[in-house]
ModelCIF file with pLDDT and N, C-alpha, C, O atoms, coordinates in Angstrom:
data_MODEL
#
_entry.id   MODEL 
#
_entity.id                         1 
_entity.type                       polymer 
_entity.pdbx_number_of_molecules   1 
#
_entity_poly.entity_id                      1 
_entity_poly.type                           'polypeptide(L)' 
_entity_poly.nstd_linkage                   no 
_entity_poly.nstd_monomer                   no 
_entity_poly.pdbx_seq_one_letter_code       ACLEEKLLLTEYFRQKLVEMGFKVGPKPDLSVSYFW 
_entity_poly.pdbx_seq_one_letter_code_can   ACLEEKLLLTEYFRQKLVEMGFKVGPKPDLSVSYFW 
_entity_poly.pdbx_strand_id                 A 
#
loop_
_entity_poly_seq.entity_id 
_entity_poly_seq.num 
_entity_poly_seq.mon_id 
_entity_poly_seq.hetero 
1 1  ALA n 
1 2  CYS n 
1 3  LEU n 
1 4  GLU n 
1 5  GLU n 
1 6  LYS n 
1 7  LEU n 
1 8  LEU n 
1 9  LEU n 
1 10 THR n 
1 11 GLU n 
1 12 TYR n 
1 13 PHE n 
1 14 ARG n 
1 15 GLN n 
1 16 LYS n 
1 17 LEU n 
1 18 VAL n 
1 19 GLU n 
1 20 MET n 
1 21 GLY n 
1 22 PHE n 
1 23 LYS n 
1 24 VAL n 
1 25 GLY n 
1 26 PRO n 
1 27 LYS n 
1 28 PRO n 
1 29 ASP n 
1 30 LEU n 
1 31 SER n 
1 32 VAL n 
1 33 SER n 
1 34 TYR n 
1 35 PHE n 
1 36 TRP n 
#
_struct_asym.id          A 
_struct_asym.entity_id   1 
#
loop_
_ma_qa_metric.id 
_ma_qa_metric.mode 
_ma_qa_metric.name 
_ma_qa_metric.software_group_id 
_ma_qa_metric.type 
1 global pLDDT . pLDDT 
2 local  pLDDT . pLDDT 
#
_ma_qa_metric_global.metric_id      1 
_ma_qa_metric_global.metric_value   96.39 
_ma_qa_metric_global.model_id       1 
_ma_qa_metric_global.ordinal_id     1 
#
loop_
_ma_qa_metric_local.label_asym_id 
_ma_qa_metric_local.label_comp_id 
_ma_qa_metric_local.label_seq_id 
_ma_qa_metric_local.metric_id 
_ma_qa_metric_local.metric_value 
_ma_qa_metric_local.model_id 
_ma_qa_metric_local.ordinal_id 
A ALA 1  2 97.00 1 1  
A CYS 2  2 97.00 1 2  
A LEU 3  2 97.00 1 3  
A GLU 4  2 98.00 1 4  
A GLU 5  2 98.00 1 5  
A LYS 6  2 97.00 1 6  
A LEU 7  2 97.00 1 7  
A LEU 8  2 98.00 1 8  
A LEU 9  2 98.00 1 9  
A THR 10 2 97.00 1 10 
A GLU 11 2 97.00 1 11 
A TYR 12 2 98.00 1 12 
A PHE 13 2 98.00 1 13 
A ARG 14 2 98.00 1 14 
A GLN 15 2 98.00 1 15 
A LYS 16 2 98.00 1 16 
A LEU 17 2 97.00 1 17 
A VAL 18 2 97.00 1 18 
A GLU 19 2 97.00 1 19 
A MET 20 2 96.00 1 20 
A GLY 21 2 95.00 1 21 
A PHE 22 2 97.00 1 22 
A LYS 23 2 97.00 1 23 
A VAL 24 2 96.00 1 24 
A GLY 25 2 93.00 1 25 
A PRO 26 2 92.00 1 26 
A LYS 27 2 92.00 1 27 
A PRO 28 2 94.00 1 28 
A ASP 29 2 95.00 1 29 
A LEU 30 2 96.00 1 30 
A SER 31 2 96.00 1 31 
A VAL 32 2 95.00 1 32 
A SER 33 2 95.00 1 33 
A TYR 34 2 96.00 1 34 
A PHE 35 2 96.00 1 35 
A TRP 36 2 97.00 1 36 
#
loop_
_atom_site.group_PDB 
_atom_site.id 
_atom_site.type_symbol 
_atom_site.label_atom_id 
_atom_site.label_alt_id 
_atom_site.label_comp_id 
_atom_site.label_asym_id 
_atom_site.label_entity_id 
_atom_site.label_seq_id 
_atom_site.pdbx_PDB_ins_code 
_atom_site.Cartn_x 
_atom_site.Cartn_y 
_atom_site.Cartn_z 
_atom_site.occupancy 
_atom_site.B_iso_or_equiv 
_atom_site.pdbx_formal_charge 
_atom_site.auth_seq_id 
_atom_site.auth_comp_id 
_atom_site.auth_asym_id 
_atom_site.auth_atom_id 
_atom_site.pdbx_PDB_model_num 
ATOM 1   N N  . ALA A 1 1  ? 215.096 14.580 146.236 1.00 97.00 ? 1  ALA A N  1 
ATOM 2   C CA . ALA A 1 1  ? 215.859 15.348 146.898 1.00 97.00 ? 1  ALA A CA 1 
ATOM 3   C C  . ALA A 1 1  ? 216.700 16.457 146.398 1.00 97.00 ? 1  ALA A C  1 
ATOM 4   O O  . ALA A 1 1  ? 216.861 17.608 146.805 1.00 97.00 ? 1  ALA A O  1 
ATOM 5   N N  . CYS A 1 2  ? 217.258 15.705 145.267 1.00 97.00 ? 2  CYS A N  1 
ATOM 6   C CA . CYS A 1 2  ? 218.124 17.039 144.752 1.00 97.00 ? 2  CYS A CA 1 
ATOM 7   C C  . CYS A 1 2  ? 217.238 18.072 144.294 1.00 97.00 ? 2  CYS A C  1 
ATOM 8   O O  . CYS A 1 2  ? 217.459 19.243 144.603 1.00 97.00 ? 2  CYS A O  1 
ATOM 9   N N  . LEU A 1 3  ? 216.173 17.718 143.526 1.00 97.00 ? 3  LEU A N  1 
ATOM 10  C CA . LEU A 1 3  ? 215.327 18.915 142.807 1.00 97.00 ? 3  LEU A CA 1 
ATOM 11  C C  . LEU A 1 3  ? 214.920 19.930 143.973 1.00 97.00 ? 3  LEU A C  1 
ATOM 12  O O  . LEU A 1 3  ? 215.040 21.135 143.753 1.00 97.00 ? 3  LEU A O  1 
ATOM 13  N N  . GLU A 1 4  ? 214.349 19.394 145.444 1.00 98.00 ? 4  GLU A N  1 
ATOM 14  C CA . GLU A 1 4  ? 213.647 19.912 146.371 1.00 98.00 ? 4  GLU A CA 1 
ATOM 15  C C  . GLU A 1 4  ? 214.908 20.942 146.839 1.00 98.00 ? 4  GLU A C  1 
ATOM 16  O O  . GLU A 1 4  ? 214.652 22.120 147.087 1.00 98.00 ? 4  GLU A O  1 
ATOM 17  N N  . GLU A 1 5  ? 216.445 20.354 146.954 1.00 98.00 ? 5  GLU A N  1 
ATOM 18  C CA . GLU A 1 5  ? 217.533 20.991 147.228 1.00 98.00 ? 5  GLU A CA 1 
ATOM 19  C C  . GLU A 1 5  ? 217.505 22.256 146.515 1.00 98.00 ? 5  GLU A C  1 
ATOM 20  O O  . GLU A 1 5  ? 217.827 23.264 147.144 1.00 98.00 ? 5  GLU A O  1 
ATOM 21  N N  . LYS A 1 6  ? 217.200 22.344 145.411 1.00 97.00 ? 6  LYS A N  1 
ATOM 22  C CA . LYS A 1 6  ? 217.548 23.283 144.337 1.00 97.00 ? 6  LYS A CA 1 
ATOM 23  C C  . LYS A 1 6  ? 216.545 24.595 144.747 1.00 97.00 ? 6  LYS A C  1 
ATOM 24  O O  . LYS A 1 6  ? 216.875 25.767 144.925 1.00 97.00 ? 6  LYS A O  1 
ATOM 25  N N  . LEU A 1 7  ? 215.061 23.903 144.841 1.00 97.00 ? 7  LEU A N  1 
ATOM 26  C CA . LEU A 1 7  ? 214.246 25.165 145.085 1.00 97.00 ? 7  LEU A CA 1 
ATOM 27  C C  . LEU A 1 7  ? 214.604 25.859 146.405 1.00 97.00 ? 7  LEU A C  1 
ATOM 28  O O  . LEU A 1 7  ? 214.536 27.084 146.509 1.00 97.00 ? 7  LEU A O  1 
ATOM 29  N N  . LEU A 1 8  ? 214.974 25.085 147.382 1.00 98.00 ? 8  LEU A N  1 
ATOM 30  C CA . LEU A 1 8  ? 215.284 25.713 148.780 1.00 98.00 ? 8  LEU A CA 1 
ATOM 31  C C  . LEU A 1 8  ? 216.652 26.811 148.702 1.00 98.00 ? 8  LEU A C  1 
ATOM 32  O O  . LEU A 1 8  ? 216.663 27.890 149.295 1.00 98.00 ? 8  LEU A O  1 
ATOM 33  N N  . LEU A 1 9  ? 217.756 26.307 147.869 1.00 98.00 ? 9  LEU A N  1 
ATOM 34  C CA . LEU A 1 9  ? 218.740 27.149 147.567 1.00 98.00 ? 9  LEU A CA 1 
ATOM 35  C C  . LEU A 1 9  ? 218.363 28.614 146.695 1.00 98.00 ? 9  LEU A C  1 
ATOM 36  O O  . LEU A 1 9  ? 218.944 29.671 146.941 1.00 98.00 ? 9  LEU A O  1 
ATOM 37  N N  . THR A 1 10 ? 217.410 28.491 145.757 1.00 97.00 ? 10 THR A N  1 
ATOM 38  C CA . THR A 1 10 ? 216.716 29.545 145.136 1.00 97.00 ? 10 THR A CA 1 
ATOM 39  C C  . THR A 1 10 ? 216.246 30.356 146.169 1.00 97.00 ? 10 THR A C  1 
ATOM 40  O O  . THR A 1 10 ? 216.718 31.490 146.087 1.00 97.00 ? 10 THR A O  1 
ATOM 41  N N  . GLU A 1 11 ? 215.426 30.176 147.192 1.00 97.00 ? 11 GLU A N  1 
ATOM 42  C CA . GLU A 1 11 ? 214.730 30.654 148.061 1.00 97.00 ? 11 GLU A CA 1 
ATOM 43  C C  . GLU A 1 11 ? 215.902 31.554 149.020 1.00 97.00 ? 11 GLU A C  1 
ATOM 44  O O  . GLU A 1 11 ? 215.898 32.743 149.339 1.00 97.00 ? 11 GLU A O  1 
ATOM 45  N N  . TYR A 1 12 ? 216.698 30.661 149.264 1.00 98.00 ? 12 TYR A N  1 
ATOM 46  C CA . TYR A 1 12 ? 217.688 31.312 150.191 1.00 98.00 ? 12 TYR A CA 1 
ATOM 47  C C  . TYR A 1 12 ? 218.829 32.280 149.173 1.00 98.00 ? 12 TYR A C  1 
ATOM 48  O O  . TYR A 1 12 ? 219.612 33.015 149.776 1.00 98.00 ? 12 TYR A O  1 
ATOM 49  N N  . PHE A 1 13 ? 218.858 32.252 148.185 1.00 98.00 ? 13 PHE A N  1 
ATOM 50  C CA . PHE A 1 13 ? 219.796 33.109 147.397 1.00 98.00 ? 13 PHE A CA 1 
ATOM 51  C C  . PHE A 1 13 ? 218.981 34.566 147.337 1.00 98.00 ? 13 PHE A C  1 
ATOM 52  O O  . PHE A 1 13 ? 219.510 35.652 147.577 1.00 98.00 ? 13 PHE A O  1 
ATOM 53  N N  . ARG A 1 14 ? 217.586 34.366 146.969 1.00 98.00 ? 14 ARG A N  1 
ATOM 54  C CA . ARG A 1 14 ? 216.893 35.425 146.624 1.00 98.00 ? 14 ARG A CA 1 
ATOM 55  C C  . ARG A 1 14 ? 216.744 36.097 147.967 1.00 98.00 ? 14 ARG A C  1 
ATOM 56  O O  . ARG A 1 14 ? 216.705 37.327 147.999 1.00 98.00 ? 14 ARG A O  1 
ATOM 57  N N  . GLN A 1 15 ? 216.656 35.383 149.092 1.00 98.00 ? 15 GLN A N  1 
ATOM 58  C CA . GLN A 1 15 ? 216.627 36.276 150.444 1.00 98.00 ? 15 GLN A CA 1 
ATOM 59  C C  . GLN A 1 15 ? 217.983 36.851 150.591 1.00 98.00 ? 15 GLN A C  1 
ATOM 60  O O  . GLN A 1 15 ? 217.896 38.040 150.898 1.00 98.00 ? 15 GLN A O  1 
ATOM 61  N N  . LYS A 1 16 ? 219.143 36.459 150.489 1.00 98.00 ? 16 LYS A N  1 
ATOM 62  C CA . LYS A 1 16 ? 220.198 36.930 150.807 1.00 98.00 ? 16 LYS A CA 1 
ATOM 63  C C  . LYS A 1 16 ? 220.687 38.186 149.774 1.00 98.00 ? 16 LYS A C  1 
ATOM 64  O O  . LYS A 1 16 ? 221.568 38.967 150.132 1.00 98.00 ? 16 LYS A O  1 
ATOM 65  N N  . LEU A 1 17 ? 220.055 38.288 148.525 1.00 97.00 ? 17 LEU A N  1 
ATOM 66  C CA . LEU A 1 17 ? 220.402 39.284 147.711 1.00 97.00 ? 17 LEU A CA 1 
ATOM 67  C C  . LEU A 1 17 ? 219.353 40.449 148.164 1.00 97.00 ? 17 LEU A C  1 
ATOM 68  O O  . LEU A 1 17 ? 219.714 41.613 147.990 1.00 97.00 ? 17 LEU A O  1 
ATOM 69  N N  . VAL A 1 18 ? 218.190 40.217 148.685 1.00 97.00 ? 18 VAL A N  1 
ATOM 70  C CA . VAL A 1 18 ? 217.333 41.251 149.281 1.00 97.00 ? 18 VAL A CA 1 
ATOM 71  C C  . VAL A 1 18 ? 217.942 41.871 150.275 1.00 97.00 ? 18 VAL A C  1 
ATOM 72  O O  . VAL A 1 18 ? 217.969 43.096 150.158 1.00 97.00 ? 18 VAL A O  1 
ATOM 73  N N  . GLU A 1 19 ? 218.485 41.382 151.301 1.00 97.00 ? 19 GLU A N  1 
ATOM 74  C CA . GLU A 1 19 ? 219.334 41.767 152.056 1.00 97.00 ? 19 GLU A CA 1 
ATOM 75  C C  . GLU A 1 19 ? 220.545 42.477 151.640 1.00 97.00 ? 19 GLU A C  1 
ATOM 76  O O  . GLU A 1 19 ? 221.049 43.183 152.513 1.00 97.00 ? 19 GLU A O  1 
ATOM 77  N N  . MET A 1 20 ? 221.073 42.449 150.603 1.00 96.00 ? 20 MET A N  1 
ATOM 78  C CA . MET A 1 20 ? 222.294 42.982 149.961 1.00 96.00 ? 20 MET A CA 1 
ATOM 79  C C  . MET A 1 20 ? 221.797 44.321 149.461 1.00 96.00 ? 20 MET A C  1 
ATOM 80  O O  . MET A 1 20 ? 222.681 45.160 149.289 1.00 96.00 ? 20 MET A O  1 
ATOM 81  N N  . GLY A 1 21 ? 220.460 44.712 149.175 1.00 95.00 ? 21 GLY A N  1 
ATOM 82  C CA . GLY A 1 21 ? 219.957 45.803 148.733 1.00 95.00 ? 21 GLY A CA 1 
ATOM 83  C C  . GLY A 1 21 ? 219.431 45.845 147.180 1.00 95.00 ? 21 GLY A C  1 
ATOM 84  O O  . GLY A 1 21 ? 219.135 46.859 146.547 1.00 95.00 ? 21 GLY A O  1 
ATOM 85  N N  . PHE A 1 22 ? 219.382 44.189 146.629 1.00 97.00 ? 22 PHE A N  1 
ATOM 86  C CA . PHE A 1 22 ? 219.282 44.075 145.588 1.00 97.00 ? 22 PHE A CA 1 
ATOM 87  C C  . PHE A 1 22 ? 217.475 43.915 145.463 1.00 97.00 ? 22 PHE A C  1 
ATOM 88  O O  . PHE A 1 22 ? 216.764 43.748 146.454 1.00 97.00 ? 22 PHE A O  1 
ATOM 89  N N  . LYS A 1 23 ? 216.954 44.006 144.049 1.00 97.00 ? 23 LYS A N  1 
ATOM 90  C CA . LYS A 1 23 ? 215.547 44.040 143.997 1.00 97.00 ? 23 LYS A CA 1 
ATOM 91  C C  . LYS A 1 23 ? 215.623 42.576 143.047 1.00 97.00 ? 23 LYS A C  1 
ATOM 92  O O  . LYS A 1 23 ? 216.405 42.410 142.111 1.00 97.00 ? 23 LYS A O  1 
ATOM 93  N N  . VAL A 1 24 ? 214.728 41.689 143.478 1.00 96.00 ? 24 VAL A N  1 
ATOM 94  C CA . VAL A 1 24 ? 214.428 40.680 142.754 1.00 96.00 ? 24 VAL A CA 1 
ATOM 95  C C  . VAL A 1 24 ? 213.054 40.326 142.076 1.00 96.00 ? 24 VAL A C  1 
ATOM 96  O O  . VAL A 1 24 ? 212.101 40.971 142.513 1.00 96.00 ? 24 VAL A O  1 
ATOM 97  N N  . GLY A 1 25 ? 212.808 39.481 141.158 1.00 93.00 ? 25 GLY A N  1 
ATOM 98  C CA . GLY A 1 25 ? 211.733 39.248 140.332 1.00 93.00 ? 25 GLY A CA 1 
ATOM 99  C C  . GLY A 1 25 ? 210.732 38.636 141.188 1.00 93.00 ? 25 GLY A C  1 
ATOM 100 O O  . GLY A 1 25 ? 211.139 38.266 142.290 1.00 93.00 ? 25 GLY A O  1 
ATOM 101 N N  . PRO A 1 26 ? 209.123 38.395 140.821 1.00 92.00 ? 26 PRO A N  1 
ATOM 102 C CA . PRO A 1 26 ? 208.400 37.746 141.641 1.00 92.00 ? 26 PRO A CA 1 
ATOM 103 C C  . PRO A 1 26 ? 208.824 36.453 142.170 1.00 92.00 ? 26 PRO A C  1 
ATOM 104 O O  . PRO A 1 26 ? 209.836 35.933 141.699 1.00 92.00 ? 26 PRO A O  1 
ATOM 105 N N  . LYS A 1 27 ? 208.098 35.818 143.189 1.00 92.00 ? 27 LYS A N  1 
ATOM 106 C CA . LYS A 1 27 ? 208.731 34.379 143.720 1.00 92.00 ? 27 LYS A CA 1 
ATOM 107 C C  . LYS A 1 27 ? 208.343 33.288 142.401 1.00 92.00 ? 27 LYS A C  1 
ATOM 108 O O  . LYS A 1 27 ? 207.258 32.910 141.960 1.00 92.00 ? 27 LYS A O  1 
ATOM 109 N N  . PRO A 1 28 ? 209.509 33.038 142.080 1.00 94.00 ? 28 PRO A N  1 
ATOM 110 C CA . PRO A 1 28 ? 209.403 31.834 141.005 1.00 94.00 ? 28 PRO A CA 1 
ATOM 111 C C  . PRO A 1 28 ? 208.473 30.504 141.600 1.00 94.00 ? 28 PRO A C  1 
ATOM 112 O O  . PRO A 1 28 ? 208.483 30.211 142.796 1.00 94.00 ? 28 PRO A O  1 
ATOM 113 N N  . ASP A 1 29 ? 207.755 29.829 140.684 1.00 95.00 ? 29 ASP A N  1 
ATOM 114 C CA . ASP A 1 29 ? 207.553 28.540 141.256 1.00 95.00 ? 29 ASP A CA 1 
ATOM 115 C C  . ASP A 1 29 ? 208.645 27.409 141.259 1.00 95.00 ? 29 ASP A C  1 
ATOM 116 O O  . ASP A 1 29 ? 208.509 26.482 142.057 1.00 95.00 ? 29 ASP A O  1 
ATOM 117 N N  . LEU A 1 30 ? 209.704 27.439 140.419 1.00 96.00 ? 30 LEU A N  1 
ATOM 118 C CA . LEU A 1 30 ? 210.620 26.562 140.442 1.00 96.00 ? 30 LEU A CA 1 
ATOM 119 C C  . LEU A 1 30 ? 211.859 27.370 140.818 1.00 96.00 ? 30 LEU A C  1 
ATOM 120 O O  . LEU A 1 30 ? 211.852 28.154 141.767 1.00 96.00 ? 30 LEU A O  1 
ATOM 121 N N  . SER A 1 31 ? 213.140 27.109 139.884 1.00 96.00 ? 31 SER A N  1 
ATOM 122 C CA . SER A 1 31 ? 214.459 27.124 140.703 1.00 96.00 ? 31 SER A CA 1 
ATOM 123 C C  . SER A 1 31 ? 215.274 28.547 139.604 1.00 96.00 ? 31 SER A C  1 
ATOM 124 O O  . SER A 1 31 ? 216.496 28.693 139.574 1.00 96.00 ? 31 SER A O  1 
ATOM 125 N N  . VAL A 1 32 ? 214.504 29.257 138.970 1.00 95.00 ? 32 VAL A N  1 
ATOM 126 C CA . VAL A 1 32 ? 214.873 30.246 137.876 1.00 95.00 ? 32 VAL A CA 1 
ATOM 127 C C  . VAL A 1 32 ? 214.154 31.560 138.368 1.00 95.00 ? 32 VAL A C  1 
ATOM 128 O O  . VAL A 1 32 ? 212.949 31.611 138.612 1.00 95.00 ? 32 VAL A O  1 
ATOM 129 N N  . SER A 1 33 ? 215.112 32.714 138.495 1.00 95.00 ? 33 SER A N  1 
ATOM 130 C CA . SER A 1 33 ? 214.592 33.805 138.796 1.00 95.00 ? 33 SER A CA 1 
ATOM 131 C C  . SER A 1 33 ? 215.518 34.838 138.256 1.00 95.00 ? 33 SER A C  1 
ATOM 132 O O  . SER A 1 33 ? 216.271 34.444 137.366 1.00 95.00 ? 33 SER A O  1 
ATOM 133 N N  . TYR A 1 34 ? 215.625 36.304 138.684 1.00 96.00 ? 34 TYR A N  1 
ATOM 134 C CA . TYR A 1 34 ? 216.306 37.143 138.165 1.00 96.00 ? 34 TYR A CA 1 
ATOM 135 C C  . TYR A 1 34 ? 216.370 38.042 139.283 1.00 96.00 ? 34 TYR A C  1 
ATOM 136 O O  . TYR A 1 34 ? 215.567 37.992 140.215 1.00 96.00 ? 34 TYR A O  1 
ATOM 137 N N  . PHE A 1 35 ? 217.456 38.984 139.188 1.00 96.00 ? 35 PHE A N  1 
ATOM 138 C CA . PHE A 1 35 ? 217.750 40.037 140.077 1.00 96.00 ? 35 PHE A CA 1 
ATOM 139 C C  . PHE A 1 35 ? 218.615 41.291 139.574 1.00 96.00 ? 35 PHE A C  1 
ATOM 140 O O  . PHE A 1 35 ? 219.610 41.158 138.861 1.00 96.00 ? 35 PHE A O  1 
ATOM 141 N N  . TRP A 1 36 ? 218.256 42.194 139.905 1.00 97.00 ? 36 TRP A N  1 
ATOM 142 C CA . TRP A 1 36 ? 218.891 43.462 139.678 1.00 97.00 ? 36 TRP A CA 1 
ATOM 143 C C  . TRP A 1 36 ? 219.272 44.645 140.825 1.00 97.00 ? 36 TRP A C  1 
ATOM 144 O O  . TRP A 1 36 ? 219.820 45.691 140.476 1.00 97.00 ? 36 TRP A O  1 
#
């Protein structure tokens, strides 16, 4: 459950960053990503 939670938090974070005008890397398989 904890691991699944981290996957969903990563997805949430990326969506919010895009709303703020940031670019994000390709959709990750897991819970590491990047933005600029």
